[in-house]
Amino acid sequence: MARIATRPAPARADRHPLVAAAMVLPLALALAVVTGGVEAVMTQASSVAGLLGR
């Protein structure tokens, strides 16, 4: 019996953007802490604040 290739079902397009953000943000925050990204963002933010005179 021959096998027929099937395509995966398309992703649901009706997911609310806040739900997607709630799923992604914890992983993004964990990766930022592990890789030192938080310190880089703080350094850049302080540099921009200095340029703006705050």
C-alpha atoms as a PDB file:
ATOM      1  CA  MET A   1       0.000   0.000   0.000  1.00  0.00           C
ATOM      2  CA  ALA A   2       1.464   3.361  -1.028  1.00  0.00           C
ATOM      3  CA  ARG A   3       1.935   6.082   1.551  1.00  0.00           C
ATOM      4  CA  ILE A   4       0.570   9.513   0.770  1.00  0.00           C
ATOM      5  CA  ALA A   5       2.539  12.512   1.989  1.00  0.00           C
ATOM      6  CA  THR A   6       0.468  14.831   4.113  1.00  0.00           C
ATOM      7  CA  ARG A   7       1.104  18.446   4.951  1.00  0.00           C
ATOM      8  CA  PRO A   8       0.999  19.682   8.526  1.00  0.00           C
ATOM      9  CA  ALA A   9      -2.053  21.652   9.511  1.00  0.00           C
ATOM     10  CA  PRO A  10      -1.602  25.423   9.141  1.00  0.00           C
ATOM     11  CA  ALA A  11      -1.151  27.466  12.306  1.00  0.00           C
ATOM     12  CA  ARG A  12      -4.259  28.997  13.790  1.00  0.00           C
ATOM     13  CA  ALA A  13      -4.533  32.646  12.851  1.00  0.00           C
ATOM     14  CA  ASP A  14      -7.079  33.554  15.532  1.00  0.00           C
ATOM     15  CA  ARG A  15      -4.665  33.572  18.501  1.00  0.00           C
ATOM     16  CA  HIS A  16      -4.683  36.890  20.341  1.00  0.00           C
ATOM     17  CA  PRO A  17      -1.342  38.741  20.214  1.00  0.00           C
ATOM     18  CA  LEU A  18      -1.231  39.018  24.019  1.00  0.00           C
ATOM     19  CA  VAL A  19      -1.469  35.244  24.311  1.00  0.00           C
ATOM     20  CA  ALA A  20       1.444  34.856  21.916  1.00  0.00           C
ATOM     21  CA  ALA A  21       3.468  37.423  23.882  1.00  0.00           C
ATOM     22  CA  ALA A  22       2.672  35.665  27.165  1.00  0.00           C
ATOM     23  CA  MET A  23       4.035  32.433  25.719  1.00  0.00           C
ATOM     24  CA  VAL A  24       7.240  33.963  24.333  1.00  0.00           C
ATOM     25  CA  LEU A  25       8.244  36.496  27.006  1.00  0.00           C
ATOM     26  CA  PRO A  26       9.284  34.046  29.768  1.00  0.00           C
ATOM     27  CA  LEU A  27      11.636  32.218  27.405  1.00  0.00           C
ATOM     28  CA  ALA A  28      12.998  35.486  26.017  1.00  0.00           C
ATOM     29  CA  LEU A  29      13.647  36.804  29.520  1.00  0.00           C
ATOM     30  CA  ALA A  30      15.391  33.578  30.557  1.00  0.00           C
ATOM     31  CA  LEU A  31      17.609  33.671  27.471  1.00  0.00           C
ATOM     32  CA  ALA A  32      18.451  37.337  28.086  1.00  0.00           C
ATOM     33  CA  VAL A  33      19.518  36.589  31.657  1.00  0.00           C
ATOM     34  CA  VAL A  34      21.575  33.547  30.677  1.00  0.00           C
ATOM     35  CA  THR A  35      23.366  35.261  27.796  1.00  0.00           C
ATOM     36  CA  GLY A  36      23.939  38.595  29.548  1.00  0.00           C
ATOM     37  CA  GLY A  37      21.511  40.470  27.326  1.00  0.00           C
ATOM     38  CA  VAL A  38      19.976  42.328  30.261  1.00  0.00           C
ATOM     39  CA  GLU A  39      23.265  44.019  31.063  1.00  0.00           C
ATOM     40  CA  ALA A  40      23.722  45.030  27.407  1.00  0.00           C
ATOM     41  CA  VAL A  41      20.256  46.571  27.270  1.00  0.00           C
ATOM     42  CA  MET A  42      20.849  48.472  30.522  1.00  0.00           C
ATOM     43  CA  THR A  43      24.160  49.802  29.198  1.00  0.00           C
ATOM     44  CA  GLN A  44      22.588  50.989  25.965  1.00  0.00           C
ATOM     45  CA  ALA A  45      19.607  52.506  27.770  1.00  0.00           C
ATOM     46  CA  SER A  46      21.879  54.499  30.065  1.00  0.00           C
ATOM     47  CA  SER A  47      23.877  55.713  27.062  1.00  0.00           C
ATOM     48  CA  VAL A  48      20.726  56.887  25.294  1.00  0.00           C
ATOM     49  CA  ALA A  49      19.511  58.564  28.487  1.00  0.00           C
ATOM     50  CA  GLY A  50      22.859  60.387  28.710  1.00  0.00           C
ATOM     51  CA  LEU A  51      22.503  61.589  25.134  1.00  0.00           C
ATOM     52  CA  LEU A  52      19.010  62.863  25.871  1.00  0.00           C
ATOM     53  CA  GLY A  53      20.270  64.689  28.939  1.00  0.00           C
ATOM     54  CA  ARG A  54      18.333  62.785  31.573  1.00  0.00           C
END
